[in-house]
PDB file of N, CA and C in Angstrom:
ATOM      1  N   MET A   1       0.828  -1.180   0.000  1.00  0.00           N
ATOM      2  CA  MET A   1       0.000   0.000   0.000  1.00  0.00           C
ATOM      3  C   MET A   1       0.875   1.247   0.000  1.00  0.00           C
ATOM      4  N   ILE A   2       0.387   2.265  -0.629  1.00  0.00           N
ATOM      5  CA  ILE A   2       1.099   3.541  -0.673  1.00  0.00           C
ATOM      6  C   ILE A   2       0.892   4.255   0.655  1.00  0.00           C
ATOM      7  N   VAL A   3       2.000   4.773   1.220  1.00  0.00           N
ATOM      8  CA  VAL A   3       1.916   5.438   2.518  1.00  0.00           C
ATOM      9  C   VAL A   3       2.359   6.896   2.472  1.00  0.00           C
ATOM     10  N   GLY A   4       2.842   7.354   1.323  1.00  0.00           N
ATOM     11  CA  GLY A   4       3.277   8.749   1.240  1.00  0.00           C
ATOM     12  C   GLY A   4       4.027   9.002  -0.051  1.00  0.00           C
ATOM     13  N   LEU A   5       4.558  10.193  -0.141  1.00  0.00           N
ATOM     14  CA  LEU A   5       5.337  10.611  -1.302  1.00  0.00           C
ATOM     15  C   LEU A   5       6.748  10.899  -0.827  1.00  0.00           C
ATOM     16  N   ASP A   6       7.734  10.242  -1.410  1.00  0.00           N
ATOM     17  CA  ASP A   6       9.123  10.415  -0.995  1.00  0.00           C
ATOM     18  C   ASP A   6       9.759  11.649  -1.619  1.00  0.00           C
ATOM     19  N   HIS A   7       9.616  11.809  -2.934  1.00  0.00           N
ATOM     20  CA  HIS A   7      10.183  12.973  -3.609  1.00  0.00           C
ATOM     21  C   HIS A   7       9.540  13.158  -4.975  1.00  0.00           C
ATOM     22  N   VAL A   8       9.783  14.336  -5.535  1.00  0.00           N
ATOM     23  CA  VAL A   8       9.373  14.652  -6.900  1.00  0.00           C
ATOM     24  C   VAL A   8      10.655  14.918  -7.671  1.00  0.00           C
ATOM     25  N   GLN A   9      10.726  14.437  -8.901  1.00  0.00           N
ATOM     26  CA  GLN A   9      11.905  14.694  -9.716  1.00  0.00           C
ATOM     27  C   GLN A   9      11.515  15.490 -10.961  1.00  0.00           C
ATOM     28  N   LEU A  10      12.317  16.508 -11.234  1.00  0.00           N
ATOM     29  CA  LEU A  10      12.210  17.289 -12.460  1.00  0.00           C
ATOM     30  C   LEU A  10      13.464  17.056 -13.280  1.00  0.00           C
ATOM     31  N   ALA A  11      13.350  17.269 -14.579  1.00  0.00           N
ATOM     32  CA  ALA A  11      14.497  17.099 -15.462  1.00  0.00           C
ATOM     33  C   ALA A  11      15.243  18.411 -15.619  1.00  0.00           C
ATOM     34  N   MET A  12      16.525  18.280 -15.930  1.00  0.00           N
ATOM     35  CA  MET A  12      17.375  19.423 -16.226  1.00  0.00           C
ATOM     36  C   MET A  12      18.384  19.002 -17.281  1.00  0.00           C
ATOM     37  N   PRO A  13      18.941  19.955 -18.030  1.00  0.00           N
ATOM     38  CA  PRO A  13      19.960  19.598 -19.013  1.00  0.00           C
ATOM     39  C   PRO A  13      21.303  19.326 -18.333  1.00  0.00           C
ATOM     40  N   ALA A  14      22.153  18.588 -18.987  1.00  0.00           N
ATOM     41  CA  ALA A  14      23.493  18.313 -18.473  1.00  0.00           C
ATOM     42  C   ALA A  14      24.229  19.621 -18.209  1.00  0.00           C
ATOM     43  N   GLY A  15      24.967  19.653 -17.115  1.00  0.00           N
ATOM     44  CA  GLY A  15      25.768  20.820 -16.779  1.00  0.00           C
ATOM     45  C   GLY A  15      25.002  21.948 -16.120  1.00  0.00           C
ATOM     46  N   GLY A  16      23.746  21.736 -15.752  1.00  0.00           N
ATOM     47  CA  GLY A  16      22.927  22.800 -15.183  1.00  0.00           C
ATOM     48  C   GLY A  16      22.935  22.877 -13.666  1.00  0.00           C
ATOM     49  N   GLU A  17      23.820  22.149 -13.010  1.00  0.00           N
ATOM     50  CA  GLU A  17      23.798  22.084 -11.548  1.00  0.00           C
ATOM     51  C   GLU A  17      23.954  23.452 -10.871  1.00  0.00           C
ATOM     52  N   GLU A  18      24.862  24.281 -11.348  1.00  0.00           N
ATOM     53  CA  GLU A  18      25.055  25.588 -10.698  1.00  0.00           C
ATOM     54  C   GLU A  18      23.833  26.485 -10.881  1.00  0.00           C
ATOM     55  N   ARG A  19      23.199  26.426 -12.040  1.00  0.00           N
ATOM     56  CA  ARG A  19      21.956  27.182 -12.250  1.00  0.00           C
ATOM     57  C   ARG A  19      20.853  26.661 -11.333  1.00  0.00           C
ATOM     58  N   ALA A  20      20.803  25.343 -11.149  1.00  0.00           N
ATOM     59  CA  ALA A  20      19.813  24.751 -10.245  1.00  0.00           C
ATOM     60  C   ALA A  20      20.057  25.224  -8.817  1.00  0.00           C
ATOM     61  N   ARG A  21      21.307  25.216  -8.378  1.00  0.00           N
ATOM     62  CA  ARG A  21      21.628  25.669  -7.021  1.00  0.00           C
ATOM     63  C   ARG A  21      21.269  27.142  -6.829  1.00  0.00           C
ATOM     64  N   ALA A  22      21.593  27.961  -7.824  1.00  0.00           N
ATOM     65  CA  ALA A  22      21.299  29.394  -7.732  1.00  0.00           C
ATOM     66  C   ALA A  22      19.804  29.632  -7.586  1.00  0.00           C
ATOM     67  N   PHE A  23      18.989  28.794  -8.176  1.00  0.00           N
ATOM     68  CA  PHE A  23      17.538  28.968  -8.115  1.00  0.00           C
ATOM     69  C   PHE A  23      16.937  28.281  -6.886  1.00  0.00           C
ATOM     70  N   TYR A  24      17.104  26.972  -6.785  1.00  0.00           N
ATOM     71  CA  TYR A  24      16.429  26.214  -5.739  1.00  0.00           C
ATOM     72  C   TYR A  24      16.998  26.505  -4.348  1.00  0.00           C
ATOM     73  N   ARG A  25      18.287  26.665  -4.242  1.00  0.00           N
ATOM     74  CA  ARG A  25      18.915  26.948  -2.949  1.00  0.00           C
ATOM     75  C   ARG A  25      18.876  28.442  -2.632  1.00  0.00           C
ATOM     76  N   ASP A  26      19.411  29.263  -3.550  1.00  0.00           N
ATOM     77  CA  ASP A  26      19.618  30.675  -3.256  1.00  0.00           C
ATOM     78  C   ASP A  26      18.355  31.526  -3.384  1.00  0.00           C
ATOM     79  N   VAL A  27      17.457  31.183  -4.286  1.00  0.00           N
ATOM     80  CA  VAL A  27      16.227  31.966  -4.442  1.00  0.00           C
ATOM     81  C   VAL A  27      15.081  31.353  -3.628  1.00  0.00           C
ATOM     82  N   LEU A  28      14.813  30.072  -3.812  1.00  0.00           N
ATOM     83  CA  LEU A  28      13.692  29.452  -3.107  1.00  0.00           C
ATOM     84  C   LEU A  28      14.016  29.093  -1.661  1.00  0.00           C
ATOM     85  N   GLY A  29      15.295  29.012  -1.311  1.00  0.00           N
ATOM     86  CA  GLY A  29      15.678  28.762   0.069  1.00  0.00           C
ATOM     87  C   GLY A  29      15.681  27.312   0.500  1.00  0.00           C
ATOM     88  N   LEU A  30      15.681  26.381  -0.455  1.00  0.00           N
ATOM     89  CA  LEU A  30      15.773  24.972  -0.107  1.00  0.00           C
ATOM     90  C   LEU A  30      17.227  24.620   0.198  1.00  0.00           C
ATOM     91  N   ALA A  31      17.424  23.615   1.013  1.00  0.00           N
ATOM     92  CA  ALA A  31      18.766  23.125   1.309  1.00  0.00           C
ATOM     93  C   ALA A  31      19.128  22.046   0.295  1.00  0.00           C
ATOM     94  N   GLU A  32      20.414  21.898   0.042  1.00  0.00           N
ATOM     95  CA  GLU A  32      20.851  20.853  -0.884  1.00  0.00           C
ATOM     96  C   GLU A  32      21.244  19.612  -0.094  1.00  0.00           C
ATOM     97  N   ARG A  33      20.787  18.462  -0.566  1.00  0.00           N
ATOM     98  CA  ARG A  33      21.149  17.177   0.019  1.00  0.00           C
ATOM     99  C   ARG A  33      22.191  16.536  -0.913  1.00  0.00           C
ATOM    100  N   GLU A  34      23.278  16.090  -0.350  1.00  0.00           N
ATOM    101  CA  GLU A  34      24.317  15.442  -1.159  1.00  0.00           C
ATOM    102  C   GLU A  34      23.794  14.117  -1.703  1.00  0.00           C
ATOM    103  N   LYS A  35      24.020  13.908  -2.999  1.00  0.00           N
ATOM    104  CA  LYS A  35      23.603  12.652  -3.616  1.00  0.00           C
ATOM    105  C   LYS A  35      24.616  11.559  -3.275  1.00  0.00           C
ATOM    106  N   PRO A  36      24.164  10.321  -3.142  1.00  0.00           N
ATOM    107  CA  PRO A  36      25.120   9.224  -2.954  1.00  0.00           C
ATOM    108  C   PRO A  36      26.090   9.187  -4.137  1.00  0.00           C
ATOM    109  N   PRO A  37      27.356   8.838  -3.894  1.00  0.00           N
ATOM    110  CA  PRO A  37      28.368   8.881  -4.960  1.00  0.00           C
ATOM    111  C   PRO A  37      27.980   8.148  -6.248  1.00  0.00           C
ATOM    112  N   HIS A  38      27.352   6.991  -6.120  1.00  0.00           N
ATOM    113  CA  HIS A  38      27.006   6.224  -7.325  1.00  0.00           C
ATOM    114  C   HIS A  38      25.910   6.917  -8.143  1.00  0.00           C
ATOM    115  N   LEU A  39      25.113   7.792  -7.510  1.00  0.00           N
ATOM    116  CA  LEU A  39      24.103   8.556  -8.239  1.00  0.00           C
ATOM    117  C   LEU A  39      24.635   9.923  -8.657  1.00  0.00           C
ATOM    118  N   ALA A  40      25.555  10.479  -7.891  1.00  0.00           N
ATOM    119  CA  ALA A  40      26.134  11.781  -8.223  1.00  0.00           C
ATOM    120  C   ALA A  40      26.853  11.746  -9.568  1.00  0.00           C
ATOM    121  N   ALA A  41      27.368  10.603  -9.938  1.00  0.00           N
ATOM    122  CA  ALA A  41      28.075  10.470 -11.211  1.00  0.00           C
ATOM    123  C   ALA A  41      27.167  10.763 -12.401  1.00  0.00           C
ATOM    124  N   ARG A  42      25.864  10.661 -12.209  1.00  0.00           N
ATOM    125  CA  ARG A  42      24.895  10.927 -13.283  1.00  0.00           C
ATOM    126  C   ARG A  42      24.604  12.414 -13.449  1.00  0.00           C
ATOM    127  N   GLY A  43      25.058  13.244 -12.506  1.00  0.00           N
ATOM    128  CA  GLY A  43      24.734  14.665 -12.522  1.00  0.00           C
ATOM    129  C   GLY A  43      23.430  14.913 -11.795  1.00  0.00           C
ATOM    130  N   GLY A  44      23.021  16.178 -11.769  1.00  0.00           N
ATOM    131  CA  GLY A  44      21.786  16.550 -11.097  1.00  0.00           C
ATOM    132  C   GLY A  44      22.025  17.019  -9.680  1.00  0.00           C
ATOM    133  N   CYS A  45      20.952  17.399  -9.008  1.00  0.00           N
ATOM    134  CA  CYS A  45      20.993  17.928  -7.640  1.00  0.00           C
ATOM    135  C   CYS A  45      19.747  17.484  -6.889  1.00  0.00           C
ATOM    136  N   TRP A  46      19.890  17.363  -5.586  1.00  0.00           N
ATOM    137  CA  TRP A  46      18.756  17.080  -4.719  1.00  0.00           C
ATOM    138  C   TRP A  46      18.589  18.221  -3.726  1.00  0.00           C
ATOM    139  N   PHE A  47      17.348  18.634  -3.498  1.00  0.00           N
ATOM    140  CA  PHE A  47      17.042  19.711  -2.566  1.00  0.00           C
ATOM    141  C   PHE A  47      15.928  19.262  -1.628  1.00  0.00           C
ATOM    142  N   TYR A  48      15.875  19.909  -0.454  1.00  0.00           N
ATOM    143  CA  TYR A  48      14.825  19.559   0.495  1.00  0.00           C
ATOM    144  C   TYR A  48      14.437  20.766   1.337  1.00  0.00           C
ATOM    145  N   GLY A  49      13.245  20.672   1.891  1.00  0.00           N
ATOM    146  CA  GLY A  49      12.717  21.663   2.813  1.00  0.00           C
ATOM    147  C   GLY A  49      12.053  20.930   3.958  1.00  0.00           C
ATOM    148  N   PRO A  50      11.326  21.639   4.815  1.00  0.00           N
ATOM    149  CA  PRO A  50      10.739  21.006   5.997  1.00  0.00           C
ATOM    150  C   PRO A  50       9.862  19.788   5.698  1.00  0.00           C
ATOM    151  N   SER A  51       9.142  19.800   4.585  1.00  0.00           N
ATOM    152  CA  SER A  51       8.261  18.655   4.302  1.00  0.00           C
ATOM    153  C   SER A  51       8.271  18.295   2.819  1.00  0.00           C
ATOM    154  N   LEU A  52       9.414  18.511   2.164  1.00  0.00           N
ATOM    155  CA  LEU A  52       9.485  18.152   0.753  1.00  0.00           C
ATOM    156  C   LEU A  52      10.892  17.744   0.359  1.00  0.00           C
ATOM    157  N   GLU A  53      10.951  16.942  -0.664  1.00  0.00           N
ATOM    158  CA  GLU A  53      12.210  16.513  -1.274  1.00  0.00           C
ATOM    159  C   GLU A  53      12.018  16.670  -2.779  1.00  0.00           C
ATOM    160  N   LEU A  54      12.907  17.427  -3.411  1.00  0.00           N
ATOM    161  CA  LEU A  54      12.811  17.700  -4.835  1.00  0.00           C
ATOM    162  C   LEU A  54      14.150  17.367  -5.485  1.00  0.00           C
ATOM    163  N   HIS A  55      14.120  16.487  -6.472  1.00  0.00           N
ATOM    164  CA  HIS A  55      15.337  16.059  -7.162  1.00  0.00           C
ATOM    165  C   HIS A  55      15.334  16.612  -8.577  1.00  0.00           C
ATOM    166  N   LEU A  56      16.493  16.997  -9.057  1.00  0.00           N
ATOM    167  CA  LEU A  56      16.669  17.361 -10.461  1.00  0.00           C
ATOM    168  C   LEU A  56      17.632  16.358 -11.067  1.00  0.00           C
ATOM    169  N   GLY A  57      17.189  15.711 -12.123  1.00  0.00           N
ATOM    170  CA  GLY A  57      18.006  14.713 -12.791  1.00  0.00           C
ATOM    171  C   GLY A  57      18.291  15.127 -14.219  1.00  0.00           C
ATOM    172  N   VAL A  58      19.477  14.784 -14.683  1.00  0.00           N
ATOM    173  CA  VAL A  58      19.882  15.108 -16.051  1.00  0.00           C
ATOM    174  C   VAL A  58      19.126  14.212 -17.018  1.00  0.00           C
ATOM    175  N   GLU A  59      18.562  14.842 -18.036  1.00  0.00           N
ATOM    176  CA  GLU A  59      17.841  14.117 -19.077  1.00  0.00           C
ATOM    177  C   GLU A  59      18.271  14.675 -20.428  1.00  0.00           C
ATOM    178  N   GLU A  60      18.733  13.802 -21.291  1.00  0.00           N
ATOM    179  CA  GLU A  60      19.127  14.194 -22.647  1.00  0.00           C
ATOM    180  C   GLU A  60      18.409  13.295 -23.643  1.00  0.00           C
ATOM    181  N   PRO A  61      17.722  13.837 -24.605  1.00  0.00           N
ATOM    182  CA  PRO A  61      17.578  15.268 -24.784  1.00  0.00           C
ATOM    183  C   PRO A  61      16.646  15.831 -23.715  1.00  0.00           C
ATOM    184  N   PHE A  62      16.920  17.062 -23.316  1.00  0.00           N
ATOM    185  CA  PHE A  62      16.142  17.705 -22.269  1.00  0.00           C
ATOM    186  C   PHE A  62      14.885  18.333 -22.846  1.00  0.00           C
ATOM    187  N   ARG A  63      13.801  18.217 -22.104  1.00  0.00           N
ATOM    188  CA  ARG A  63      12.548  18.887 -22.439  1.00  0.00           C
ATOM    189  C   ARG A  63      11.887  19.319 -21.134  1.00  0.00           C
ATOM    190  N   ALA A  64      11.640  20.599 -20.985  1.00  0.00           N
ATOM    191  CA  ALA A  64      11.034  21.121 -19.764  1.00  0.00           C
ATOM    192  C   ALA A  64       9.604  20.618 -19.594  1.00  0.00           C
ATOM    193  N   ALA A  65       9.224  20.423 -18.339  1.00  0.00           N
ATOM    194  CA  ALA A  65       7.843  20.063 -18.002  1.00  0.00           C
ATOM    195  C   ALA A  65       7.054  21.360 -17.848  1.00  0.00           C
ATOM    196  N   THR A  66       6.159  21.618 -18.773  1.00  0.00           N
ATOM    197  CA  THR A  66       5.390  22.860 -18.728  1.00  0.00           C
ATOM    198  C   THR A  66       3.940  22.642 -18.286  1.00  0.00           C
ATOM    199  N   LYS A  67       3.483  21.409 -18.268  1.00  0.00           N
ATOM    200  CA  LYS A  67       2.139  21.089 -17.779  1.00  0.00           C
ATOM    201  C   LYS A  67       2.255  20.336 -16.449  1.00  0.00           C
ATOM    202  N   ALA A  68       2.903  19.180 -16.472  1.00  0.00           N
ATOM    203  CA  ALA A  68       3.142  18.440 -15.228  1.00  0.00           C
ATOM    204  C   ALA A  68       4.041  19.297 -14.347  1.00  0.00           C
ATOM    205  N   HIS A  69       3.782  19.307 -13.035  1.00  0.00           N
ATOM    206  CA  HIS A  69       4.538  20.208 -12.172  1.00  0.00           C
ATOM    207  C   HIS A  69       4.383  19.827 -10.707  1.00  0.00           C
ATOM    208  N   PRO A  70       5.346  20.214  -9.875  1.00  0.00           N
ATOM    209  CA  PRO A  70       5.137  20.129  -8.431  1.00  0.00           C
ATOM    210  C   PRO A  70       4.395  21.384  -7.972  1.00  0.00           C
ATOM    211  N   ALA A  71       3.601  21.246  -6.930  1.00  0.00           N
ATOM    212  CA  ALA A  71       2.942  22.385  -6.296  1.00  0.00           C
ATOM    213  C   ALA A  71       3.529  22.491  -4.897  1.00  0.00           C
ATOM    214  N   LEU A  72       4.260  23.567  -4.646  1.00  0.00           N
ATOM    215  CA  LEU A  72       4.946  23.746  -3.373  1.00  0.00           C
ATOM    216  C   LEU A  72       4.114  24.641  -2.460  1.00  0.00           C
ATOM    217  N   LEU A  73       3.888  24.195  -1.233  1.00  0.00           N
ATOM    218  CA  LEU A  73       3.177  25.004  -0.247  1.00  0.00           C
ATOM    219  C   LEU A  73       4.150  26.022   0.337  1.00  0.00           C
ATOM    220  N   VAL A  74       3.701  27.260   0.453  1.00  0.00           N
ATOM    221  CA  VAL A  74       4.532  28.322   1.011  1.00  0.00           C
ATOM    222  C   VAL A  74       3.788  28.979   2.174  1.00  0.00           C
ATOM    223  N   ALA A  75       4.556  29.542   3.109  1.00  0.00           N
ATOM    224  CA  ALA A  75       3.959  30.184   4.275  1.00  0.00           C
ATOM    225  C   ALA A  75       3.436  31.574   3.949  1.00  0.00           C
ATOM    226  N   ASP A  76       4.148  32.307   3.078  1.00  0.00           N
ATOM    227  CA  ASP A  76       3.804  33.702   2.782  1.00  0.00           C
ATOM    228  C   ASP A  76       4.059  33.955   1.299  1.00  0.00           C
ATOM    229  N   LEU A  77       3.029  33.792   0.496  1.00  0.00           N
ATOM    230  CA  LEU A  77       3.174  33.919  -0.948  1.00  0.00           C
ATOM    231  C   LEU A  77       3.583  35.332  -1.357  1.00  0.00           C
ATOM    232  N   ALA A  78       3.051  36.339  -0.691  1.00  0.00           N
ATOM    233  CA  ALA A  78       3.401  37.728  -1.040  1.00  0.00           C
ATOM    234  C   ALA A  78       4.891  37.984  -0.806  1.00  0.00           C
ATOM    235  N   ALA A  79       5.424  37.509   0.301  1.00  0.00           N
ATOM    236  CA  ALA A  79       6.852  37.699   0.586  1.00  0.00           C
ATOM    237  C   ALA A  79       7.714  36.942  -0.418  1.00  0.00           C
ATOM    238  N   LEU A  80       7.316  35.716  -0.741  1.00  0.00           N
ATOM    239  CA  LEU A  80       8.088  34.951  -1.714  1.00  0.00           C
ATOM    240  C   LEU A  80       8.004  35.603  -3.085  1.00  0.00           C
ATOM    241  N   ARG A  81       6.846  36.098  -3.421  1.00  0.00           N
ATOM    242  CA  ARG A  81       6.681  36.782  -4.706  1.00  0.00           C
ATOM    243  C   ARG A  81       7.606  37.996  -4.803  1.00  0.00           C
ATOM    244  N   ALA A  82       7.754  38.749  -3.731  1.00  0.00           N
ATOM    245  CA  ALA A  82       8.676  39.895  -3.710  1.00  0.00           C
ATOM    246  C   ALA A  82      10.116  39.420  -3.867  1.00  0.00           C
ATOM    247  N   ARG A  83      10.469  38.338  -3.201  1.00  0.00           N
ATOM    248  CA  ARG A  83      11.827  37.776  -3.322  1.00  0.00           C
ATOM    249  C   ARG A  83      12.100  37.315  -4.755  1.00  0.00           C
ATOM    250  N   LEU A  84      11.119  36.682  -5.361  1.00  0.00           N
ATOM    251  CA  LEU A  84      11.263  36.239  -6.751  1.00  0.00           C
ATOM    252  C   LEU A  84      11.500  37.441  -7.665  1.00  0.00           C
ATOM    253  N   ALA A  85      10.746  38.514  -7.457  1.00  0.00           N
ATOM    254  CA  ALA A  85      10.897  39.719  -8.273  1.00  0.00           C
ATOM    255  C   ALA A  85      12.298  40.300  -8.125  1.00  0.00           C
ATOM    256  N   GLU A  86      12.842  40.291  -6.900  1.00  0.00           N
ATOM    257  CA  GLU A  86      14.205  40.774  -6.669  1.00  0.00           C
ATOM    258  C   GLU A  86      15.235  39.998  -7.481  1.00  0.00           C
ATOM    259  N   HIS A  87      14.928  38.741  -7.761  1.00  0.00           N
ATOM    260  CA  HIS A  87      15.835  37.872  -8.501  1.00  0.00           C
ATOM    261  C   HIS A  87      15.454  37.744  -9.977  1.00  0.00           C
ATOM    262  N   GLY A  88      14.485  38.545 -10.406  1.00  0.00           N
ATOM    263  CA  GLY A  88      14.096  38.537 -11.809  1.00  0.00           C
ATOM    264  C   GLY A  88      13.300  37.325 -12.245  1.00  0.00           C
ATOM    265  N   VAL A  89      12.651  36.644 -11.301  1.00  0.00           N
ATOM    266  CA  VAL A  89      11.845  35.466 -11.622  1.00  0.00           C
ATOM    267  C   VAL A  89      10.398  35.904 -11.832  1.00  0.00           C
ATOM    268  N   ALA A  90       9.871  35.645 -13.025  1.00  0.00           N
ATOM    269  CA  ALA A  90       8.494  36.015 -13.353  1.00  0.00           C
ATOM    270  C   ALA A  90       7.507  35.153 -12.568  1.00  0.00           C
ATOM    271  N   PHE A  91       6.421  35.782 -12.118  1.00  0.00           N
ATOM    272  CA  PHE A  91       5.359  35.116 -11.371  1.00  0.00           C
ATOM    273  C   PHE A  91       4.051  35.370 -12.101  1.00  0.00           C
ATOM    274  N   ALA A  92       3.294  34.322 -12.362  1.00  0.00           N
ATOM    275  CA  ALA A  92       1.988  34.450 -13.006  1.00  0.00           C
ATOM    276  C   ALA A  92       0.919  34.030 -12.008  1.00  0.00           C
ATOM    277  N   ASP A  93      -0.061  34.913 -11.769  1.00  0.00           N
ATOM    278  CA  ASP A  93      -1.148  34.567 -10.858  1.00  0.00           C
ATOM    279  C   ASP A  93      -1.849  33.307 -11.340  1.00  0.00           C
ATOM    280  N   GLY A  94      -2.210  32.448 -10.382  1.00  0.00           N
ATOM    281  CA  GLY A  94      -2.926  31.223 -10.711  1.00  0.00           C
ATOM    282  C   GLY A  94      -4.421  31.451 -10.765  1.00  0.00           C
ATOM    283  N   GLN A  95      -5.119  30.510 -11.341  1.00  0.00           N
ATOM    284  CA  GLN A  95      -6.579  30.550 -11.358  1.00  0.00           C
ATOM    285  C   GLN A  95      -7.086  30.391  -9.930  1.00  0.00           C
ATOM    286  N   PRO A  96      -8.201  31.029  -9.588  1.00  0.00           N
ATOM    287  CA  PRO A  96      -8.726  30.924  -8.230  1.00  0.00           C
ATOM    288  C   PRO A  96      -8.984  29.468  -7.836  1.00  0.00           C
ATOM    289  N   LEU A  97      -8.660  29.165  -6.589  1.00  0.00           N
ATOM    290  CA  LEU A  97      -8.921  27.848  -6.017  1.00  0.00           C
ATOM    291  C   LEU A  97      -9.304  28.088  -4.562  1.00  0.00           C
ATOM    292  N   ASP A  98     -10.511  27.654  -4.175  1.00  0.00           N
ATOM    293  CA  ASP A  98     -10.989  27.905  -2.813  1.00  0.00           C
ATOM    294  C   ASP A  98      -9.947  27.495  -1.780  1.00  0.00           C
ATOM    295  N   GLY A  99      -9.667  28.420  -0.865  1.00  0.00           N
ATOM    296  CA  GLY A  99      -8.778  28.129   0.242  1.00  0.00           C
ATOM    297  C   GLY A  99      -7.307  28.390  -0.020  1.00  0.00           C
ATOM    298  N   TYR A 100      -6.964  28.853  -1.232  1.00  0.00           N
ATOM    299  CA  TYR A 100      -5.551  29.055  -1.577  1.00  0.00           C
ATOM    300  C   TYR A 100      -5.339  30.350  -2.345  1.00  0.00           C
ATOM    301  N   ALA A 101      -4.170  30.934  -2.133  1.00  0.00           N
ATOM    302  CA  ALA A 101      -3.612  31.929  -3.048  1.00  0.00           C
ATOM    303  C   ALA A 101      -2.548  31.162  -3.810  1.00  0.00           C
ATOM    304  N   ARG A 102      -2.449  31.386  -5.118  1.00  0.00           N
ATOM    305  CA  ARG A 102      -1.521  30.561  -5.885  1.00  0.00           C
ATOM    306  C   ARG A 102      -1.025  31.263  -7.130  1.00  0.00           C
ATOM    307  N   GLY A 103       0.073  30.725  -7.657  1.00  0.00           N
ATOM    308  CA  GLY A 103       0.649  31.246  -8.885  1.00  0.00           C
ATOM    309  C   GLY A 103       1.720  30.312  -9.394  1.00  0.00           C
ATOM    310  N   ASP A 104       2.228  30.630 -10.579  1.00  0.00           N
ATOM    311  CA  ASP A 104       3.219  29.777 -11.236  1.00  0.00           C
ATOM    312  C   ASP A 104       4.503  30.533 -11.512  1.00  0.00           C
ATOM    313  N   ILE A 105       5.603  29.797 -11.425  1.00  0.00           N
ATOM    314  CA  ILE A 105       6.913  30.285 -11.833  1.00  0.00           C
ATOM    315  C   ILE A 105       7.552  29.201 -12.691  1.00  0.00           C
ATOM    316  N   ALA A 106       8.660  29.514 -13.292  1.00  0.00           N
ATOM    317  CA  ALA A 106       9.444  28.518 -14.027  1.00  0.00           C
ATOM    318  C   ALA A 106      10.848  28.513 -13.454  1.00  0.00           C
ATOM    319  N   ASP A 107      11.429  27.330 -13.353  1.00  0.00           N
ATOM    320  CA  ASP A 107      12.824  27.250 -12.910  1.00  0.00           C
ATOM    321  C   ASP A 107      13.730  27.673 -14.064  1.00  0.00           C
ATOM    322  N   PRO A 108      15.032  27.724 -13.886  1.00  0.00           N
ATOM    323  CA  PRO A 108      15.921  28.208 -14.948  1.00  0.00           C
ATOM    324  C   PRO A 108      15.881  27.365 -16.219  1.00  0.00           C
ATOM    325  N   PHE A 109      15.287  26.181 -16.138  1.00  0.00           N
ATOM    326  CA  PHE A 109      15.234  25.277 -17.283  1.00  0.00           C
ATOM    327  C   PHE A 109      13.868  25.277 -17.965  1.00  0.00           C
ATOM    328  N   GLY A 110      12.924  26.058 -17.416  1.00  0.00           N
ATOM    329  CA  GLY A 110      11.588  26.134 -17.997  1.00  0.00           C
ATOM    330  C   GLY A 110      10.574  25.201 -17.377  1.00  0.00           C
ATOM    331  N   ASN A 111      10.949  24.451 -16.333  1.00  0.00           N
ATOM    332  CA  ASN A 111      10.001  23.579 -15.645  1.00  0.00           C
ATOM    333  C   ASN A 111       9.008  24.417 -14.853  1.00  0.00           C
ATOM    334  N   ARG A 112       7.738  24.107 -14.987  1.00  0.00           N
ATOM    335  CA  ARG A 112       6.690  24.813 -14.250  1.00  0.00           C
ATOM    336  C   ARG A 112       6.701  24.400 -12.786  1.00  0.00           C
ATOM    337  N   ILE A 113       6.539  25.386 -11.904  1.00  0.00           N
ATOM    338  CA  ILE A 113       6.404  25.136 -10.473  1.00  0.00           C
ATOM    339  C   ILE A 113       5.232  25.977  -9.981  1.00  0.00           C
ATOM    340  N   GLU A 114       4.278  25.333  -9.347  1.00  0.00           N
ATOM    341  CA  GLU A 114       3.152  26.054  -8.762  1.00  0.00           C
ATOM    342  C   GLU A 114       3.479  26.355  -7.306  1.00  0.00           C
ATOM    343  N   LEU A 115       3.165  27.571  -6.880  1.00  0.00           N
ATOM    344  CA  LEU A 115       3.340  27.977  -5.490  1.00  0.00           C
ATOM    345  C   LEU A 115       1.967  28.209  -4.894  1.00  0.00           C
ATOM    346  N   MET A 116       1.704  27.635  -3.719  1.00  0.00           N
ATOM    347  CA  MET A 116       0.383  27.718  -3.116  1.00  0.00           C
ATOM    348  C   MET A 116       0.505  28.083  -1.641  1.00  0.00           C
ATOM    349  N   GLN A 117      -0.363  29.002  -1.214  1.00  0.00           N
ATOM    350  CA  GLN A 117      -0.456  29.355   0.193  1.00  0.00           C
ATOM    351  C   GLN A 117      -1.877  29.058   0.660  1.00  0.00           C
ATOM    352  N   LYS A 118      -2.004  28.269   1.738  1.00  0.00           N
ATOM    353  CA  LYS A 118      -3.325  28.022   2.314  1.00  0.00           C
ATOM    354  C   LYS A 118      -3.793  29.300   2.994  1.00  0.00           C
ATOM    355  N   LEU A 119      -5.042  29.660   2.734  1.00  0.00           N
ATOM    356  CA  LEU A 119      -5.604  30.867   3.349  1.00  0.00           C
ATOM    357  C   LEU A 119      -6.373  30.540   4.604  1.00  0.00           C
TER     358      LEU A 119
END
């Protein structure tokens, strides 16, 4: 039986690790988890927060996920939106959903990420 979700993985192009760190670690504030050596050889990065694990894996040929996406819960969407603007990250308001404020951003590779705040 399924008991939970361990992680979500998004694709990235080869050699994009520093761009991933600059975005996921430095802008979104996630911590980086070191990959086991046998997996690190494949490239990519792993990040985590209080209740999430997000992996980026190298995929060639690379194609960004523009429909499928993770939806990350945030404590203060307005504050994060201001931080994103400071870093030049575009934010698009999401369609209304009862109980949430929400919007979309794209990572440096074009992968869609939904940001949601429970109201």
